[in-house]
Amino acid sequence: MKKIVIILSVLLILTTGCNNKSNAQNNDNVPSTDKIDENGNDINTPGEKKPDNTGSEEVPNTNEDTTLFHEFENDASKLLVDLTLEEKIGQMFLVRCPLDEELTSFMSMNPGGFIMFGRDFKDKTKDEVINNIKSYQSHSKIPMIIGVDEEGGTVVRVSSNPLLSNERFKSPQELYKIGGFDEIRNDTLKKSKLLLELGINLNLAPVADVSLNKNDFIYERSFGKSPDETSEYVKTVFSAMHESKISGTLKHFPGYGNNVDTHTGSAYDKRPYENFESIDFLPFIAGIEAGAESVLVSHNVVESMDKNVPASLSKNTHDILRNKLNFTGIIMTDDMSMGAVQNLEGIDSPEVMAVEAGNDMLIVTDFEKSYNALLTAVKNNEISKAKIDEAVLRILKWKYYMGIM
């Protein structure tokens, strides 16, 4: 009897061992999901992710706000609530810097900022320019954006004055011939330093237009090379601008191409949309990905996007910039005083159209006229207050981002 019991016990031990060995072989490639101590407690390393044996992957957080200036949402929202409608309307204008006799009137409308031209620097010393800008800021309830077109080459508002700069800033094409992208970077750093010392916090540059034809109106102001090379130029400039802590502007969306000068009249761009996708959009996409704070929209009538009105007044063109190119910063018009807008027939208030299209800021010369047109439109419910709030909130966030608030 005892012999039978011993034989049965041996068989049971052998059977159990085989089963355990079989299970271990079957689980060789399945990692343990938990580490357990002798008391049965989980001792997984802190932060160590337990493998998910269901085969599903970790779902990324799609609610994270990645828009430009998002970290200043709360501060800007609190300020927005305290602004009157009139103050909000004023914030939406980047105004040509007024003459002395116009200053009091302009400041009463709370402009979002001034854009300075050659006349505002002519024959002035560095201290005089600094004091002028400080005066503008001291008379403004909300700190102002002070912008300038200092592209280099044919468009130099500041460095055209020998009292402010030893030489005029060179064009992108000249700089590249001298020392490639390194020279462009160094020039941008030098340029940005000078502007910031004067009190200027926005350079309306770089020109992101692709132009390879010397006969094009925009050629001398462009990088003059392929879309890929122009994209690299744009990224180089923004990298240096961000290092300097000055804001920049991509222009002239959706791409100037070979169009004529819109300062004096209308330009009709008949190129197919595919051209913009494969050529013109590329430097703008590069700039957006590099953190461009603002984009300036041209007055060209781009027929493949909107054959009825200039791009600056076209909702479809702005939707492309927002929704297809995923731009979340400030959209602004080119100067609304230019012939391409002023000569339009059948449009009583281009300012209203510009806001409805999706512009946050309007560059204007006749501030009082434009201000009153927009204010009246809101009071008459032609434009919703929500539309105004959306634009002004973005502008206020930009100002917090700049560090001027």
Protein backbone atom coordinates (compact mmCIF):
# COMPACT_ATOMS: atom_id res chain seq x y z
CA MET A 1 0.00 0.00 0.00
CA LYS A 2 2.79 2.39 1.04
CA LYS A 3 4.59 1.58 -2.24
CA ILE A 4 1.48 2.58 -4.30
CA VAL A 5 1.19 5.92 -2.47
CA ILE A 6 4.85 6.72 -3.17
CA ILE A 7 4.45 5.90 -6.89
CA LEU A 8 1.32 8.11 -7.15
CA SER A 9 3.12 11.02 -5.43
CA VAL A 10 6.05 10.80 -7.84
CA LEU A 11 3.70 10.80 -10.84
CA LEU A 12 1.86 13.88 -9.48
CA ILE A 13 5.12 15.81 -9.02
CA LEU A 14 6.28 14.95 -12.54
CA THR A 15 2.95 15.98 -14.05
CA THR A 16 2.90 19.34 -12.24
CA GLY A 17 6.47 20.08 -13.26
CA CYS A 18 5.70 19.40 -16.92
CA ASN A 19 2.66 21.68 -16.82
CA ASN A 20 4.66 24.49 -15.20
CA LYS A 21 7.42 24.09 -17.76
CA SER A 22 4.87 24.15 -20.57
CA ASN A 23 3.25 27.32 -19.20
CA ALA A 24 6.62 29.02 -18.84
CA GLN A 25 7.48 28.17 -22.44
CA ASN A 26 4.17 29.52 -23.65
CA ASN A 27 4.74 32.81 -21.75
CA ASP A 28 8.38 33.36 -22.69
CA ASN A 29 7.52 36.46 -24.78
CA VAL A 30 4.94 37.99 -22.43
CA PRO A 31 6.54 40.37 -19.89
CA SER A 32 5.24 40.45 -16.38
CA THR A 33 2.93 43.42 -15.86
CA ASP A 34 3.73 43.71 -12.15
CA LYS A 35 6.63 43.34 -9.76
CA ILE A 36 5.42 41.99 -6.43
CA ASP A 37 7.36 41.71 -3.14
CA GLU A 38 7.01 38.92 -0.60
CA ASN A 39 4.05 40.68 0.99
CA GLY A 40 2.18 40.98 -2.29
CA ASN A 41 2.83 44.73 -2.75
CA ASP A 42 3.35 46.37 -6.17
CA ILE A 43 6.99 47.45 -6.44
CA ASN A 44 7.02 48.79 -10.02
CA THR A 45 9.61 51.54 -10.43
CA PRO A 46 8.04 55.05 -10.07
CA GLY A 47 7.16 56.41 -13.50
CA GLU A 48 7.63 52.98 -15.10
CA LYS A 49 4.81 52.22 -17.48
CA LYS A 50 3.18 48.82 -17.11
CA PRO A 51 2.96 47.06 -20.45
CA ASP A 52 -0.53 46.92 -21.87
CA ASN A 53 -1.24 43.33 -22.91
CA THR A 54 -4.41 44.32 -24.74
CA GLY A 55 -2.37 45.57 -27.72
CA SER A 56 -3.71 49.13 -27.45
CA GLU A 57 -1.30 52.10 -27.55
CA GLU A 58 -1.27 55.10 -25.23
CA VAL A 59 -3.67 57.75 -26.51
CA PRO A 60 -1.97 61.17 -26.84
CA ASN A 61 -3.53 64.19 -25.13
CA THR A 62 -5.30 65.96 -27.99
CA ASN A 63 -6.59 68.74 -25.73
CA GLU A 64 -3.17 70.34 -25.23
CA ASP A 65 -3.19 73.95 -26.45
CA THR A 66 -0.37 74.42 -28.96
CA THR A 67 -1.52 77.74 -30.42
CA LEU A 68 0.81 80.73 -30.43
CA PHE A 69 0.67 82.85 -27.26
CA HIS A 70 -1.56 80.25 -25.51
CA GLU A 71 0.23 80.67 -22.18
CA PHE A 72 -1.08 84.24 -21.97
CA GLU A 73 -4.75 83.32 -22.43
CA ASN A 74 -5.77 84.05 -18.82
CA ASP A 75 -4.01 87.41 -18.55
CA ALA A 76 -5.36 88.59 -21.89
CA SER A 77 -8.90 87.38 -21.13
CA LYS A 78 -8.98 89.33 -17.86
CA LEU A 79 -7.86 92.50 -19.62
CA LEU A 80 -10.32 92.02 -22.48
CA VAL A 81 -13.28 92.04 -20.08
CA ASP A 82 -12.30 95.49 -18.82
CA LEU A 83 -12.06 97.12 -22.26
CA THR A 84 -14.85 99.20 -23.77
CA LEU A 85 -16.02 98.50 -27.31
CA GLU A 86 -14.24 101.65 -28.47
CA GLU A 87 -10.96 100.51 -26.91
CA LYS A 88 -11.29 97.10 -28.51
CA ILE A 89 -11.86 98.63 -31.95
CA GLY A 90 -8.76 100.79 -31.57
CA GLN A 91 -6.61 97.74 -30.77
CA MET A 92 -7.34 96.28 -34.19
CA PHE A 93 -5.45 98.99 -36.05
CA LEU A 94 -1.75 99.22 -36.83
CA VAL A 95 -1.68 102.88 -37.80
CA ARG A 96 0.78 104.87 -39.85
CA CYS A 97 2.68 106.91 -37.28
CA PRO A 98 0.93 110.30 -37.10
CA LEU A 99 2.33 113.78 -37.51
CA ASP A 100 2.71 115.73 -34.28
CA GLU A 101 -0.51 117.66 -34.83
CA GLU A 102 -2.47 114.41 -35.26
CA LEU A 103 -1.05 112.60 -32.24
CA THR A 104 -3.62 113.64 -29.63
CA SER A 105 -6.53 112.70 -31.87
CA PHE A 106 -5.01 109.35 -32.78
CA MET A 107 -4.19 108.43 -29.19
CA SER A 108 -7.80 109.10 -28.14
CA MET A 109 -8.81 106.12 -30.32
CA ASN A 110 -6.42 103.72 -28.53
CA PRO A 111 -4.55 102.32 -31.55
CA GLY A 112 -3.10 98.84 -31.24
CA GLY A 113 0.16 100.14 -32.61
CA PHE A 114 2.03 102.47 -34.94
CA ILE A 115 3.96 101.54 -38.04
CA MET A 116 6.84 103.93 -38.65
CA PHE A 117 8.12 105.04 -42.04
CA GLY A 118 11.17 106.89 -43.37
CA ARG A 119 9.76 110.32 -42.48
CA ASP A 120 9.55 109.30 -38.82
CA PHE A 121 13.32 108.71 -38.68
CA LYS A 122 14.62 111.31 -41.13
CA ASP A 123 17.42 113.46 -39.67
CA LYS A 124 16.68 112.25 -36.13
CA THR A 125 19.27 111.06 -33.67
CA LYS A 126 18.95 107.78 -31.83
CA ASP A 127 17.92 109.58 -28.63
CA GLU A 128 15.24 111.55 -30.47
CA VAL A 129 13.69 108.40 -31.91
CA ILE A 130 13.82 106.64 -28.53
CA ASN A 131 12.14 109.60 -26.82
CA ASN A 132 9.46 109.83 -29.50
CA ILE A 133 8.54 106.17 -29.09
CA LYS A 134 8.60 106.46 -25.29
CA SER A 135 6.20 109.38 -25.62
CA TYR A 136 3.80 107.31 -27.75
CA GLN A 137 3.88 104.51 -25.19
CA SER A 138 3.39 106.85 -22.22
CA HIS A 139 0.23 108.31 -23.79
CA SER A 140 -1.26 104.88 -24.53
CA LYS A 141 -3.53 103.12 -22.04
CA ILE A 142 -2.48 99.76 -23.50
CA PRO A 143 1.19 99.33 -24.54
CA MET A 144 1.56 99.62 -28.29
CA ILE A 145 3.10 97.55 -31.02
CA ILE A 146 5.70 99.71 -32.75
CA GLY A 147 6.42 98.29 -36.19
CA VAL A 148 8.67 99.10 -39.12
CA ASP A 149 9.55 97.70 -42.55
CA GLU A 150 13.27 97.09 -42.22
CA GLU A 151 13.69 94.36 -44.84
CA GLY A 152 17.11 95.37 -46.09
CA GLY A 153 17.95 96.42 -49.65
CA THR A 154 15.30 98.64 -51.23
CA VAL A 155 13.09 98.82 -48.10
CA VAL A 156 15.01 100.33 -45.17
CA ARG A 157 13.12 102.84 -43.02
CA VAL A 158 15.61 103.03 -40.13
CA SER A 159 19.03 102.39 -41.63
CA SER A 160 18.43 104.91 -44.42
CA ASN A 161 19.27 107.49 -41.73
CA PRO A 162 23.07 107.65 -41.23
CA LEU A 163 22.51 109.02 -37.71
CA LEU A 164 20.96 105.68 -36.75
CA SER A 165 23.10 103.22 -38.70
CA ASN A 166 26.57 103.33 -40.24
CA GLU A 167 25.22 101.69 -43.39
CA ARG A 168 21.94 100.63 -44.92
CA PHE A 169 21.05 97.02 -44.22
CA LYS A 170 21.72 94.86 -47.25
CA SER A 171 19.11 92.83 -49.12
CA PRO A 172 18.75 89.10 -48.45
CA GLN A 173 20.25 88.33 -51.86
CA GLU A 174 23.33 90.49 -51.17
CA LEU A 175 23.84 88.94 -47.75
CA TYR A 176 23.65 85.41 -49.11
CA LYS A 177 26.29 86.18 -51.76
CA ILE A 178 28.61 87.50 -49.05
CA GLY A 179 28.33 84.68 -46.53
CA GLY A 180 25.32 82.45 -47.02
CA PHE A 181 22.86 81.80 -44.23
CA ASP A 182 25.42 82.65 -41.55
CA GLU A 183 25.61 86.19 -42.89
CA ILE A 184 21.80 86.41 -42.98
CA ARG A 185 21.63 85.27 -39.38
CA ASN A 186 24.26 87.77 -38.21
CA ASP A 187 22.54 90.58 -40.10
CA THR A 188 19.19 89.72 -38.53
CA LEU A 189 20.70 89.77 -35.05
CA LYS A 190 22.34 93.15 -35.70
CA LYS A 191 19.17 94.59 -37.21
CA SER A 192 16.94 93.32 -34.41
CA LYS A 193 19.28 94.74 -31.76
CA LEU A 194 19.11 98.20 -33.31
CA LEU A 195 15.31 98.16 -33.62
CA LEU A 196 14.81 97.02 -30.04
CA GLU A 197 17.19 99.71 -28.75
CA LEU A 198 14.99 102.30 -30.45
CA GLY A 199 11.82 100.87 -28.90
CA ILE A 200 10.59 99.01 -32.00
CA ASN A 201 9.15 95.58 -31.17
CA LEU A 202 7.95 94.41 -34.61
CA ASN A 203 9.85 94.15 -37.87
CA LEU A 204 7.49 93.57 -40.79
CA ALA A 205 9.88 91.08 -42.34
CA PRO A 206 10.95 88.67 -43.79
CA VAL A 207 9.57 88.68 -47.32
CA ALA A 208 8.53 85.06 -47.90
CA ASP A 209 7.54 85.49 -51.54
CA VAL A 210 9.15 83.16 -54.06
CA SER A 211 10.50 85.02 -57.08
CA LEU A 212 13.08 83.81 -59.60
CA ASN A 213 12.44 86.34 -62.35
CA LYS A 214 14.35 89.62 -62.17
CA ASN A 215 11.46 91.33 -63.94
CA ASP A 216 9.01 90.57 -61.12
CA PHE A 217 7.98 93.58 -59.02
CA ILE A 218 8.79 91.70 -55.80
CA TYR A 219 12.09 90.13 -56.98
CA GLU A 220 14.54 92.61 -55.40
CA ARG A 221 12.78 92.31 -52.03
CA SER A 222 12.64 88.50 -52.16
CA PHE A 223 15.35 85.93 -51.47
CA GLY A 224 15.39 85.27 -55.22
CA LYS A 225 15.78 81.51 -54.94
CA SER A 226 13.77 78.26 -55.00
CA PRO A 227 10.89 77.53 -52.58
CA ASP A 228 13.11 75.23 -50.49
CA GLU A 229 15.94 77.76 -50.28
CA THR A 230 13.48 80.56 -49.51
CA SER A 231 12.02 78.36 -46.76
CA GLU A 232 15.48 77.93 -45.25
CA TYR A 233 16.00 81.70 -45.44
CA VAL A 234 12.73 82.30 -43.58
CA LYS A 235 13.61 79.78 -40.86
CA THR A 236 17.06 81.36 -40.43
CA VAL A 237 15.59 84.83 -39.99
CA PHE A 238 12.99 83.74 -37.45
CA SER A 239 15.51 81.78 -35.46
CA ALA A 240 17.61 84.94 -35.07
CA MET A 241 14.58 87.13 -34.40
CA HIS A 242 13.39 84.83 -31.62
CA GLU A 243 16.86 84.82 -30.13
CA SER A 244 16.71 88.63 -30.13
CA LYS A 245 13.13 88.63 -28.76
CA ILE A 246 11.61 90.74 -31.52
CA SER A 247 8.47 89.78 -33.44
CA GLY A 248 8.37 89.30 -37.19
CA THR A 249 5.89 89.17 -40.06
CA LEU A 250 5.69 86.78 -42.99
CA LYS A 251 4.62 88.61 -46.14
CA HIS A 252 2.88 88.77 -48.59
CA PHE A 253 0.48 85.83 -48.26
CA PRO A 254 -0.52 83.85 -50.28
CA GLY A 255 2.59 84.67 -52.34
CA TYR A 256 3.23 87.66 -54.60
CA GLY A 257 4.43 85.72 -57.63
CA ASN A 258 4.92 87.83 -60.75
CA ASN A 259 2.12 90.28 -59.99
CA VAL A 260 2.34 94.04 -60.50
CA ASP A 261 2.64 96.64 -57.73
CA THR A 262 -0.60 96.86 -55.73
CA HIS A 263 0.32 100.24 -54.25
CA THR A 264 -1.11 101.93 -57.31
CA GLY A 265 -3.76 99.52 -58.62
CA SER A 266 -5.19 96.03 -58.74
CA ALA A 267 -3.19 92.90 -59.53
CA TYR A 268 -4.89 89.74 -60.80
CA ASP A 269 -3.13 86.46 -60.13
CA LYS A 270 -4.36 83.79 -62.54
CA ARG A 271 -2.07 80.96 -61.46
CA PRO A 272 -3.71 77.62 -60.56
CA TYR A 273 -4.09 76.73 -56.90
CA GLU A 274 -1.64 73.85 -57.32
CA ASN A 275 1.13 76.40 -57.92
CA PHE A 276 0.58 77.86 -54.48
CA GLU A 277 0.56 74.43 -52.86
CA SER A 278 3.81 73.34 -54.49
CA ILE A 279 5.65 76.69 -54.53
CA ASP A 280 4.31 79.79 -52.77
CA PHE A 281 2.97 78.21 -49.59
CA LEU A 282 6.22 76.42 -48.71
CA PRO A 283 8.12 79.39 -47.18
CA PHE A 284 4.99 80.43 -45.29
CA ILE A 285 4.60 76.92 -43.89
CA ALA A 286 8.28 76.97 -42.89
CA GLY A 287 7.81 80.30 -41.16
CA ILE A 288 4.67 79.18 -39.36
CA GLU A 289 6.44 76.05 -38.12
CA ALA A 290 9.34 78.27 -36.99
CA GLY A 291 6.94 80.31 -34.82
CA ALA A 292 6.16 83.36 -36.97
CA GLU A 293 4.03 85.71 -34.88
CA SER A 294 2.17 87.41 -37.72
CA VAL A 295 1.32 87.07 -41.40
CA LEU A 296 0.56 89.99 -43.72
CA VAL A 297 -1.95 89.32 -46.52
CA SER A 298 -1.52 90.98 -49.91
CA HIS A 299 -4.04 92.93 -51.96
CA ASN A 300 -3.57 90.67 -55.00
CA VAL A 301 -6.76 89.20 -56.41
CA VAL A 302 -5.85 85.51 -56.42
CA GLU A 303 -8.48 84.05 -58.71
CA SER A 304 -7.93 80.41 -57.77
CA MET A 305 -8.91 81.31 -54.19
CA ASP A 306 -11.32 84.21 -54.67
CA LYS A 307 -11.86 85.93 -58.01
CA ASN A 308 -14.04 88.71 -56.60
CA VAL A 309 -11.91 90.55 -54.04
CA PRO A 310 -8.25 91.01 -53.03
CA ALA A 311 -6.76 88.31 -50.82
CA SER A 312 -6.71 90.77 -47.91
CA LEU A 313 -10.53 90.92 -48.03
CA SER A 314 -11.17 87.28 -48.92
CA LYS A 315 -12.57 84.93 -46.27
CA ASN A 316 -11.61 81.89 -48.32
CA THR A 317 -7.96 82.98 -48.46
CA HIS A 318 -7.89 83.52 -44.69
CA ASP A 319 -9.55 80.14 -44.12
CA ILE A 320 -6.72 78.53 -46.09
CA LEU A 321 -4.15 80.28 -43.91
CA ARG A 322 -5.92 79.30 -40.67
CA ASN A 323 -7.23 75.84 -41.48
CA LYS A 324 -4.84 74.39 -44.07
CA LEU A 325 -1.59 76.04 -43.05
CA ASN A 326 -2.63 75.93 -39.36
CA PHE A 327 -1.56 79.48 -38.54
CA THR A 328 -2.71 80.58 -35.08
CA GLY A 329 -0.99 83.96 -34.78
CA ILE A 330 -1.94 87.46 -35.94
CA ILE A 331 -3.25 87.99 -39.48
CA MET A 332 -3.00 91.55 -40.77
CA THR A 333 -3.81 93.33 -44.01
CA ASP A 334 -1.35 95.14 -46.16
CA ASP A 335 -1.85 98.92 -46.00
CA MET A 336 -5.53 99.64 -46.61
CA SER A 337 -4.64 102.98 -48.22
CA MET A 338 -3.08 101.24 -51.23
CA GLY A 339 -4.71 101.67 -54.62
CA ALA A 340 -5.69 98.00 -54.93
CA VAL A 341 -8.19 98.54 -52.10
CA GLN A 342 -9.11 102.20 -52.47
CA ASN A 343 -9.96 101.81 -56.16
CA LEU A 344 -12.37 98.91 -55.64
CA GLU A 345 -15.85 99.55 -56.97
CA GLY A 346 -19.00 98.73 -55.05
CA ILE A 347 -17.30 98.40 -51.67
CA ASP A 348 -18.28 101.07 -49.14
CA SER A 349 -16.28 99.80 -46.19
CA PRO A 350 -13.24 97.64 -46.95
CA GLU A 351 -12.44 97.71 -43.21
CA VAL A 352 -15.61 95.75 -42.47
CA MET A 353 -14.81 93.24 -45.19
CA ALA A 354 -11.28 92.86 -43.87
CA VAL A 355 -12.49 91.94 -40.39
CA GLU A 356 -15.19 89.63 -41.70
CA ALA A 357 -12.56 87.91 -43.83
CA GLY A 358 -10.54 87.06 -40.73
CA ASN A 359 -7.92 89.80 -40.22
CA ASP A 360 -6.99 90.59 -36.64
CA MET A 361 -5.25 93.87 -37.45
CA LEU A 362 -5.66 96.40 -40.23
CA ILE A 363 -2.77 98.60 -41.40
CA VAL A 364 -4.26 102.05 -42.14
CA THR A 365 -3.24 105.63 -42.82
CA ASP A 366 -6.63 107.36 -42.38
CA PHE A 367 -7.15 106.06 -38.86
CA GLU A 368 -10.19 108.14 -37.95
CA LYS A 369 -12.15 107.11 -41.04
CA SER A 370 -11.32 103.43 -40.66
CA TYR A 371 -11.94 103.43 -36.91
CA ASN A 372 -15.37 105.02 -37.28
CA ALA A 373 -16.34 102.67 -40.12
CA LEU A 374 -15.56 99.62 -37.99
CA LEU A 375 -17.15 100.99 -34.82
CA THR A 376 -20.35 101.88 -36.67
CA ALA A 377 -20.50 98.43 -38.25
CA VAL A 378 -20.36 96.74 -34.83
CA LYS A 379 -22.98 99.05 -33.35
CA ASN A 380 -25.25 98.31 -36.33
CA ASN A 381 -24.68 94.54 -35.87
CA GLU A 382 -22.96 94.21 -39.23
CA ILE A 383 -20.07 92.62 -37.34
CA SER A 384 -20.59 90.64 -34.15
CA LYS A 385 -18.93 91.68 -30.91
CA ALA A 386 -17.74 88.08 -30.62
CA LYS A 387 -15.76 88.56 -33.85
CA ILE A 388 -14.12 91.65 -32.40
CA ASP A 389 -13.35 89.91 -29.10
CA GLU A 390 -11.71 86.99 -30.90
CA ALA A 391 -9.32 89.30 -32.76
CA VAL A 392 -8.56 91.58 -29.80
CA LEU A 393 -7.90 88.64 -27.48
CA ARG A 394 -5.30 87.36 -29.92
CA ILE A 395 -3.70 90.83 -30.13
CA LEU A 396 -3.55 91.16 -26.34
CA LYS A 397 -1.97 87.72 -26.02
CA TRP A 398 0.63 88.80 -28.57
CA LYS A 399 1.45 91.87 -26.49
CA TYR A 400 1.90 89.74 -23.37
CA TYR A 401 4.11 87.40 -25.42
CA MET A 402 6.20 90.40 -26.51
CA GLY A 403 6.72 91.34 -22.88
CA ILE A 404 5.37 94.86 -23.33
CA MET A 405 2.31 94.42 -21.10
